[in-house]
Amino acid sequence: MSIGFTFKAKTRKIDALKESVKEMAEESGYGLALNENWLTVSFCTMGDLSMEWERESGLRGQWLITGNCCSTPAGAGFHAAAVRFLDELGQKRLSELLVDDETEYYHHRDFERMKREHFYPWLNALKRHCAERGSGYSNFCLCWDMEQYQPEEVPGTVITPMGRFNIENMIKQTEKNGISWLAERFFIWDNEEKDALYYRNTALNYLWEQCCFVPSRRSSEDSVCNQMIIDSLEQAAVLNPGLPLPVDAYREICSLADREPSIKEDAPKMESDYPVGFRKREVTHSFGTLRLTLPGRLKYEWETYGDGDGCNMWRDSASDSPVWRVSGFRLRSGNAEFPEECSPNDPEEFEIPGGRARIGWIEYEEDGQTAFQAVCDVVSGPSQYLITAAYMHKEEKDGIYALMRKLKTVPDTPAVTNTESYAQ
């Protein structure tokens, strides 16, 4: 269930088309990913317009362009901006442009009508979905990228890119204040222009979904994230000083970025059902059928060995906190069993959801210092996993073991996708 449009067109000079897209994106401040056979223009967080091309047969064959744009959950403002962008590109470089816009905005250009007839009903359908099914799940997600981490489970709530909502309170507030109340909190780009609400919601998405709440000096990725949050909230405050903002989170990020806050502590504060930031708490990562719960501040890396092989690693590069590594394999037939050799100290076996685990620890020397490693083998059907956590301080073992006891495996079955109409 989504809102968007598709299009097809032709062009004689593909290089000229790519150059025009590049110029238009730069002029508007949009991101651009450009490849030999496709490109994607990023208008905002979760707001992309993509197109690809292939050559017609024959000496005089033109280039056939096909593209698409999914406008939810970015919002109606993004949909309108993408239509305008395609319009301008069509006038410059495209012929035989055909657009299939389910909102019909491409033809009538009535922004409020588009919101009223499509984006609000779509959001109302999600609200009904929460009311009818949300209580049956411990980790209910809407518009969440299931390929990334899963936030901490909190019954009675819904996880979205814009944060965690208490389902009961969300329904009450929407019934009291109308669907526009929820739209202003759910969509990145709800209005036609990039106004204060757009900049606040951009910052909220970064705070909730991406920010690790660590110093900017840890990595360029952390620096960019922290800076985006600060700049977006300060722009929102300039455009609309009365708009409620996540002031406490803003001041915390300023401290992490060594930046003097310009938004005062007594500025209007945005209410939230829960403290901002999924990665402030534990999050769960997927590796095959294994589910591994770790502190949210740890970032994923692929660690390469000298022989060209490697493993999955999570760590906080700015501290000497435990470094986690995961590897695994799957048997072609039969069920996996624990390795017969067990070198770790104090081995202990226990049941986990979907399988069994065995943990222990070893002590070793690294750079002249004593170090430790917790070792955990997991077997589940034909799958076997090895999870290790290297640590420098003995007292960290209990915390590592507590996380290893949260390990679980899930059935190796395709994900279920629910599709329904947003028509009322």
Protein backbone atom coordinates (compact mmCIF):
# COMPACT_ATOMS: atom_id res chain seq x y z
CA MET A 1 0.00 0.00 0.00
CA SER A 2 1.79 3.10 -1.25
CA ILE A 3 1.27 6.25 -3.29
CA GLY A 4 3.38 7.24 -6.27
CA PHE A 5 3.67 7.48 -10.02
CA THR A 6 5.43 5.81 -12.92
CA PHE A 7 6.46 7.24 -16.26
CA LYS A 8 7.98 6.41 -19.61
CA ALA A 9 9.47 8.57 -22.32
CA LYS A 10 12.08 8.74 -25.06
CA THR A 11 15.20 10.78 -25.68
CA ARG A 12 17.72 10.96 -28.51
CA LYS A 13 20.78 11.89 -26.47
CA ILE A 14 21.17 10.03 -23.19
CA ASP A 15 24.31 11.95 -22.17
CA ALA A 16 22.47 15.23 -22.59
CA LEU A 17 19.64 13.87 -20.43
CA LYS A 18 22.06 12.88 -17.67
CA GLU A 19 23.72 16.28 -17.80
CA SER A 20 20.36 18.05 -17.53
CA VAL A 21 19.37 15.93 -14.52
CA LYS A 22 22.71 16.70 -12.88
CA GLU A 23 22.30 20.45 -13.41
CA MET A 24 18.71 20.46 -12.16
CA ALA A 25 19.59 18.43 -9.06
CA GLU A 26 22.48 20.74 -8.21
CA GLU A 27 20.32 23.85 -8.64
CA SER A 28 17.67 22.46 -6.27
CA GLY A 29 20.06 20.96 -3.72
CA TYR A 30 18.94 17.39 -4.42
CA GLY A 31 21.18 14.34 -4.20
CA LEU A 32 22.03 12.33 -7.31
CA ALA A 33 23.26 8.77 -7.86
CA LEU A 34 24.26 8.28 -11.49
CA ASN A 35 25.17 5.01 -13.19
CA GLU A 36 25.66 3.82 -16.75
CA ASN A 37 22.09 2.56 -17.11
CA TRP A 38 20.14 4.30 -14.34
CA LEU A 39 19.97 7.29 -12.02
CA THR A 40 18.21 8.25 -8.79
CA VAL A 41 17.43 11.79 -7.65
CA SER A 42 17.07 12.13 -3.86
CA PHE A 43 14.75 15.01 -3.00
CA CYS A 44 14.62 14.32 0.74
CA THR A 45 14.93 11.50 3.22
CA MET A 46 12.95 8.53 1.82
CA GLY A 47 12.04 10.60 -1.24
CA ASP A 48 13.61 9.33 -4.48
CA LEU A 49 12.77 9.50 -8.18
CA SER A 50 14.46 6.78 -10.24
CA MET A 51 14.78 6.10 -13.95
CA GLU A 52 16.58 3.66 -16.22
CA TRP A 53 17.07 3.43 -19.96
CA GLU A 54 17.85 1.13 -22.87
CA ARG A 55 18.49 1.71 -26.55
CA GLU A 56 15.86 0.95 -29.17
CA SER A 57 16.92 -1.39 -31.93
CA GLY A 58 17.92 0.04 -35.31
CA LEU A 59 20.36 2.71 -36.44
CA ARG A 60 17.99 5.57 -35.62
CA GLY A 61 16.75 4.03 -32.38
CA GLN A 62 16.12 6.41 -29.49
CA TRP A 63 16.63 5.73 -25.79
CA LEU A 64 13.60 4.32 -23.95
CA ILE A 65 13.22 5.81 -20.47
CA THR A 66 11.18 4.21 -17.67
CA GLY A 67 10.94 5.52 -14.14
CA ASN A 68 9.06 5.52 -10.89
CA CYS A 69 8.55 7.47 -7.71
CA CYS A 70 7.13 6.19 -4.39
CA SER A 71 5.83 9.18 -2.44
CA THR A 72 5.01 7.52 0.87
CA PRO A 73 6.08 7.97 3.57
CA ALA A 74 7.99 11.05 2.34
CA GLY A 75 4.76 12.98 1.80
CA ALA A 76 2.67 15.05 -0.57
CA GLY A 77 5.28 17.83 -0.74
CA PHE A 78 7.80 15.39 -2.16
CA HIS A 79 5.25 14.04 -4.66
CA ALA A 80 4.60 17.56 -5.95
CA ALA A 81 8.32 18.37 -6.15
CA ALA A 82 9.02 15.17 -8.08
CA VAL A 83 6.23 15.97 -10.56
CA ARG A 84 7.62 19.48 -11.11
CA PHE A 85 11.11 18.05 -11.62
CA LEU A 86 9.86 15.54 -14.19
CA ASP A 87 7.87 18.28 -15.91
CA GLU A 88 10.95 20.46 -16.34
CA LEU A 89 13.05 17.53 -17.51
CA GLY A 90 10.35 16.62 -20.02
CA GLN A 91 10.39 20.11 -21.48
CA LYS A 92 14.18 20.01 -21.81
CA ARG A 93 15.07 16.49 -22.86
CA LEU A 94 12.15 14.06 -23.12
CA SER A 95 9.66 13.24 -25.85
CA GLU A 96 6.49 11.14 -25.72
CA LEU A 97 6.38 11.53 -21.93
CA LEU A 98 3.56 9.49 -20.38
CA VAL A 99 2.93 9.72 -16.63
CA ASP A 100 0.71 7.35 -14.66
CA ASP A 101 0.02 9.26 -11.43
CA GLU A 102 -2.50 7.53 -9.19
CA THR A 103 -3.20 10.82 -7.39
CA GLU A 104 -3.89 12.56 -10.74
CA TYR A 105 -1.85 15.50 -9.42
CA TYR A 106 0.25 15.45 -12.60
CA HIS A 107 -2.87 16.58 -14.47
CA HIS A 108 -4.87 18.75 -12.04
CA ARG A 109 -1.99 20.31 -9.94
CA ASP A 110 -4.30 20.94 -6.97
CA PHE A 111 -2.03 20.23 -4.00
CA GLU A 112 -4.67 20.36 -1.25
CA ARG A 113 -6.94 18.10 -3.28
CA MET A 114 -4.13 15.56 -3.61
CA LYS A 115 -3.57 15.56 0.15
CA ARG A 116 -7.28 15.33 0.89
CA GLU A 117 -8.07 12.58 -1.62
CA HIS A 118 -4.94 10.44 -1.31
CA PHE A 119 -2.38 11.16 1.40
CA TYR A 120 -4.86 11.64 4.24
CA PRO A 121 -6.87 8.50 3.33
CA TRP A 122 -3.58 6.58 3.07
CA LEU A 123 -2.59 7.72 6.56
CA ASN A 124 -6.06 6.96 7.90
CA ALA A 125 -5.68 3.41 6.56
CA LEU A 126 -2.41 3.05 8.48
CA LYS A 127 -4.11 4.33 11.62
CA ARG A 128 -6.87 1.74 11.21
CA HIS A 129 -4.21 -0.91 10.61
CA CYS A 130 -2.59 0.03 13.94
CA ALA A 131 -5.90 -0.03 15.79
CA GLU A 132 -6.92 -3.41 14.39
CA ARG A 133 -3.60 -5.28 14.46
CA GLY A 134 -1.07 -3.35 16.53
CA SER A 135 -1.95 -4.94 19.87
CA GLY A 136 -1.12 -8.39 18.49
CA TYR A 137 2.59 -7.61 17.97
CA SER A 138 5.43 -6.73 20.32
CA ASN A 139 7.32 -4.91 17.55
CA PHE A 140 4.73 -3.45 15.16
CA CYS A 141 6.36 -1.52 12.28
CA LEU A 142 5.00 0.82 9.61
CA CYS A 143 7.08 1.96 6.60
CA TRP A 144 10.17 0.58 8.34
CA ASP A 145 13.09 -0.79 6.31
CA MET A 146 13.11 -4.43 7.45
CA GLU A 147 16.62 -4.90 6.05
CA GLN A 148 18.08 -2.73 8.80
CA TYR A 149 18.09 -3.13 12.58
CA GLN A 150 14.92 -3.64 14.62
CA PRO A 151 14.33 -1.25 17.54
CA GLU A 152 13.64 -2.44 21.06
CA GLU A 153 10.28 -4.13 21.56
CA VAL A 154 7.70 -2.04 23.42
CA PRO A 155 4.18 -3.54 23.43
CA GLY A 156 1.36 -1.20 22.45
CA THR A 157 3.56 0.95 20.21
CA VAL A 158 4.27 1.32 16.51
CA ILE A 159 7.74 1.87 15.03
CA THR A 160 8.05 4.32 12.12
CA PRO A 161 10.91 6.25 10.49
CA MET A 162 9.60 9.29 12.40
CA GLY A 163 9.78 7.61 15.78
CA ARG A 164 7.85 5.42 18.17
CA PHE A 165 4.16 6.17 18.72
CA ASN A 166 1.91 4.89 21.48
CA ILE A 167 -0.94 3.41 19.43
CA GLU A 168 -3.72 4.26 21.88
CA ASN A 169 -2.55 7.86 22.26
CA MET A 170 -2.03 8.26 18.50
CA ILE A 171 -5.60 7.18 17.81
CA LYS A 172 -7.01 9.46 20.52
CA GLN A 173 -5.06 12.50 19.30
CA THR A 174 -6.05 11.86 15.68
CA GLU A 175 -9.72 11.54 16.61
CA LYS A 176 -9.48 14.75 18.63
CA ASN A 177 -7.38 16.89 16.27
CA GLY A 178 -7.99 15.33 12.87
CA ILE A 179 -5.74 13.38 10.51
CA SER A 180 -3.68 16.51 9.81
CA TRP A 181 -2.28 16.20 13.36
CA LEU A 182 -0.81 12.82 12.48
CA ALA A 183 0.29 13.94 9.01
CA GLU A 184 2.44 16.69 10.52
CA ARG A 185 4.23 14.06 12.61
CA PHE A 186 4.39 11.19 10.14
CA PHE A 187 5.41 12.72 6.79
CA ILE A 188 8.82 14.27 6.17
CA TRP A 189 7.47 16.72 3.58
CA ASP A 190 3.79 17.32 4.34
CA ASN A 191 3.32 20.80 2.84
CA GLU A 192 4.05 22.07 -0.65
CA GLU A 193 7.24 23.93 0.25
CA LYS A 194 10.24 23.00 2.37
CA ASP A 195 8.97 24.89 5.41
CA ALA A 196 9.82 24.73 9.12
CA LEU A 197 7.82 21.53 9.50
CA TYR A 198 9.89 19.87 6.76
CA TYR A 199 13.18 20.75 8.46
CA ARG A 200 11.94 19.67 11.90
CA ASN A 201 10.74 16.33 10.57
CA THR A 202 13.96 15.76 8.66
CA ALA A 203 15.83 16.20 11.93
CA LEU A 204 13.39 13.91 13.75
CA ASN A 205 14.01 11.13 11.23
CA TYR A 206 17.77 11.43 11.68
CA LEU A 207 17.40 11.53 15.48
CA TRP A 208 15.16 8.49 15.66
CA GLU A 209 16.52 6.24 12.93
CA GLN A 210 20.16 7.09 12.22
CA CYS A 211 21.73 8.97 15.12
CA CYS A 212 23.94 6.96 17.50
CA PHE A 213 24.26 9.84 19.99
CA VAL A 214 28.05 9.71 19.96
CA PRO A 215 30.65 12.47 19.45
CA SER A 216 31.01 13.72 15.87
CA ARG A 217 34.71 12.93 15.97
CA ARG A 218 33.99 9.18 16.03
CA SER A 219 33.48 9.02 12.27
CA SER A 220 32.57 11.12 9.26
CA GLU A 221 29.18 9.37 9.21
CA ASP A 222 28.45 10.45 12.78
CA SER A 223 29.66 13.97 12.03
CA VAL A 224 27.37 14.30 9.00
CA CYS A 225 24.39 12.93 10.93
CA ASN A 226 24.89 15.24 13.91
CA GLN A 227 25.40 18.24 11.65
CA MET A 228 22.26 17.47 9.64
CA ILE A 229 20.20 17.36 12.83
CA ILE A 230 21.60 20.65 14.12
CA ASP A 231 21.29 22.51 10.81
CA SER A 232 17.75 21.26 10.16
CA LEU A 233 16.44 22.20 13.61
CA GLU A 234 18.07 25.63 13.51
CA GLN A 235 16.55 26.26 10.08
CA ALA A 236 13.14 25.21 11.42
CA ALA A 237 13.52 27.63 14.33
CA VAL A 238 14.36 30.49 11.96
CA LEU A 239 11.41 29.80 9.66
CA ASN A 240 8.89 29.35 12.48
CA PRO A 241 10.06 30.30 16.01
CA GLY A 242 6.77 29.02 17.45
CA LEU A 243 7.06 25.48 16.08
CA PRO A 244 7.66 22.93 18.87
CA LEU A 245 11.04 21.23 18.50
CA PRO A 246 12.93 18.38 20.24
CA VAL A 247 14.96 20.97 22.16
CA ASP A 248 16.61 18.61 24.66
CA ALA A 249 17.80 16.26 21.92
CA TYR A 250 19.05 19.26 19.91
CA ARG A 251 21.16 20.52 22.79
CA GLU A 252 22.55 17.03 23.40
CA ILE A 253 23.64 16.75 19.75
CA CYS A 254 25.19 20.22 19.91
CA SER A 255 27.31 19.03 22.83
CA LEU A 256 28.38 15.92 20.92
CA ALA A 257 29.31 18.08 17.92
CA ASP A 258 31.16 20.70 20.03
CA ARG A 259 28.72 23.29 18.75
CA GLU A 260 27.23 26.18 20.71
CA PRO A 261 23.40 25.91 20.66
CA SER A 262 21.53 28.78 19.03
CA ILE A 263 18.06 27.49 20.00
CA LYS A 264 17.30 28.55 23.56
CA GLU A 265 16.30 26.10 26.29
CA ASP A 266 12.96 27.86 26.72
CA ALA A 267 12.00 27.39 23.04
CA PRO A 268 8.70 25.52 22.46
CA LYS A 269 9.29 21.82 23.12
CA MET A 270 7.74 19.06 21.04
CA GLU A 271 5.88 16.42 23.01
CA SER A 272 6.85 12.79 22.42
CA ASP A 273 5.45 9.53 23.75
CA TYR A 274 8.97 8.20 24.28
CA PRO A 275 12.56 9.52 24.56
CA VAL A 276 13.94 10.33 21.09
CA GLY A 277 16.34 7.88 19.44
CA PHE A 278 16.00 4.18 18.67
CA ARG A 279 19.79 3.73 18.80
CA LYS A 280 20.00 5.16 22.30
CA ARG A 281 18.84 1.75 23.45
CA GLU A 282 19.47 -1.80 22.32
CA VAL A 283 18.62 -2.77 18.74
CA THR A 284 18.42 -6.17 17.07
CA HIS A 285 20.38 -7.12 13.94
CA SER A 286 19.63 -9.96 11.51
CA PHE A 287 22.24 -12.41 10.27
CA GLY A 288 20.57 -15.23 8.36
CA THR A 289 18.06 -16.70 10.79
CA LEU A 290 20.00 -15.36 13.79
CA ARG A 291 18.81 -12.30 15.72
CA LEU A 292 21.52 -10.48 17.67
CA THR A 293 20.69 -7.71 20.15
CA LEU A 294 23.42 -5.11 20.76
CA PRO A 295 23.79 -1.54 22.06
CA GLY A 296 22.46 0.86 19.43
CA ARG A 297 25.63 2.97 19.36
CA LEU A 298 27.62 0.12 17.76
CA LYS A 299 28.07 0.46 14.01
CA TYR A 300 28.34 -2.36 11.51
CA GLU A 301 31.51 -3.00 9.50
CA TRP A 302 32.73 -5.80 7.25
CA GLU A 303 36.10 -6.92 8.60
CA THR A 304 38.41 -8.33 5.92
CA TYR A 305 41.05 -10.91 6.76
CA GLY A 306 44.41 -11.30 5.04
CA ASP A 307 43.22 -14.25 2.96
CA GLY A 308 40.40 -12.17 1.48
CA ASP A 309 37.76 -13.70 3.71
CA GLY A 310 36.04 -11.74 6.46
CA CYS A 311 33.23 -11.51 8.97
CA ASN A 312 30.50 -9.20 10.22
CA MET A 313 31.61 -6.84 12.97
CA TRP A 314 29.88 -4.32 15.25
CA ARG A 315 31.90 -1.89 17.36
CA ASP A 316 32.19 1.59 18.79
CA SER A 317 35.44 2.85 17.29
CA ALA A 318 35.62 5.76 19.74
CA SER A 319 35.89 3.55 22.84
CA ASP A 320 37.40 0.29 24.06
CA SER A 321 33.95 -1.26 24.51
CA PRO A 322 33.46 -4.88 23.36
CA VAL A 323 33.88 -5.68 19.66
CA TRP A 324 31.35 -8.18 18.33
CA ARG A 325 31.92 -10.52 15.39
CA VAL A 326 29.52 -12.97 13.74
CA SER A 327 30.05 -15.69 11.15
CA GLY A 328 27.99 -18.69 10.13
CA PHE A 329 27.20 -21.38 7.63
CA ARG A 330 24.34 -23.64 6.60
CA LEU A 331 24.51 -27.39 5.99
CA ARG A 332 23.12 -28.72 2.72
CA SER A 333 21.40 -31.55 4.60
CA GLY A 334 20.84 -32.55 8.21
CA ASN A 335 20.97 -30.47 11.38
CA ALA A 336 23.99 -28.59 12.68
CA GLU A 337 25.65 -29.63 15.96
CA PHE A 338 28.08 -27.91 18.30
CA PRO A 339 31.77 -28.41 17.42
CA GLU A 340 33.23 -31.32 19.39
CA GLU A 341 36.24 -29.27 20.50
CA CYS A 342 35.33 -26.73 23.15
CA SER A 343 38.31 -24.64 24.28
CA PRO A 344 36.58 -21.75 26.13
CA ASN A 345 36.51 -21.65 29.91
CA ASP A 346 33.35 -22.55 31.85
CA PRO A 347 31.28 -23.73 28.86
CA GLU A 348 27.54 -23.54 29.39
CA GLU A 349 24.74 -24.73 27.12
CA PHE A 350 21.18 -23.38 27.12
CA GLU A 351 18.08 -23.21 24.97
CA ILE A 352 17.24 -20.12 22.92
CA PRO A 353 14.12 -19.46 20.84
CA GLY A 354 14.51 -21.64 17.76
CA GLY A 355 17.77 -23.33 18.75
CA ARG A 356 20.54 -23.93 21.28
CA ALA A 357 23.55 -21.89 22.39
CA ARG A 358 26.85 -22.65 24.12
CA ILE A 359 28.90 -19.89 25.72
CA GLY A 360 32.32 -19.63 27.33
CA TRP A 361 35.29 -17.28 27.51
CA ILE A 362 39.04 -17.20 26.86
CA GLU A 363 41.94 -15.01 27.99
CA TYR A 364 44.75 -13.96 25.65
CA GLU A 365 47.50 -11.40 25.09
CA GLU A 366 47.12 -8.52 22.63
CA ASP A 367 49.79 -5.83 22.19
CA GLY A 368 51.28 -6.78 25.54
CA GLN A 369 47.96 -6.46 27.35
CA THR A 370 45.64 -9.06 28.79
CA ALA A 371 42.41 -9.29 26.83
CA PHE A 372 39.33 -11.51 26.88
CA GLN A 373 36.86 -12.97 24.45
CA ALA A 374 33.39 -14.36 25.02
CA VAL A 375 32.60 -17.17 22.58
CA CYS A 376 29.11 -18.36 21.68
CA ASP A 377 28.15 -21.18 19.32
CA VAL A 378 24.54 -21.31 18.12
CA VAL A 379 22.86 -24.19 16.27
CA SER A 380 19.41 -24.02 14.72
CA GLY A 381 18.31 -26.64 12.22
CA PRO A 382 20.91 -26.72 9.42
CA SER A 383 22.44 -23.38 10.49
CA GLN A 384 25.45 -22.87 12.76
CA TYR A 385 26.74 -19.50 13.98
CA LEU A 386 29.80 -18.32 15.85
CA ILE A 387 29.44 -15.11 17.86
CA THR A 388 32.42 -13.60 19.67
CA ALA A 389 32.84 -10.47 21.76
CA ALA A 390 36.38 -9.24 22.45
CA TYR A 391 36.71 -7.12 25.60
CA MET A 392 39.43 -5.53 27.72
CA HIS A 393 37.91 -5.54 31.20
CA LYS A 394 36.82 -8.63 33.18
CA GLU A 395 33.77 -6.87 34.57
CA GLU A 396 32.32 -6.56 31.03
CA LYS A 397 31.71 -10.31 30.78
CA ASP A 398 28.39 -10.29 32.63
CA GLY A 399 26.93 -7.65 30.31
CA ILE A 400 28.14 -9.57 27.24
CA TYR A 401 26.66 -12.81 28.54
CA ALA A 402 23.35 -11.03 29.17
CA LEU A 403 23.24 -9.99 25.51
CA MET A 404 24.20 -13.48 24.35
CA ARG A 405 21.29 -14.88 26.35
CA LYS A 406 18.99 -12.67 24.24
CA LEU A 407 20.03 -14.47 21.05
CA LYS A 408 17.28 -16.15 19.08
CA THR A 409 16.70 -17.70 15.69
CA VAL A 410 13.64 -17.44 13.49
CA PRO A 411 12.16 -19.76 10.85
CA ASP A 412 13.79 -19.45 7.43
CA THR A 413 10.59 -18.41 5.64
CA PRO A 414 9.80 -15.50 3.28
CA ALA A 415 8.53 -12.32 4.90
CA VAL A 416 4.79 -11.75 4.78
CA THR A 417 3.67 -8.51 3.10
CA ASN A 418 0.19 -7.11 3.66
CA THR A 419 -1.28 -5.08 0.79
CA GLU A 420 -4.58 -3.27 1.00
CA SER A 421 -6.34 -0.24 -0.44
CA TYR A 422 -6.34 3.11 1.33
CA ALA A 423 -9.74 4.00 -0.15
CA GLN A 424 -12.33 4.81 2.49
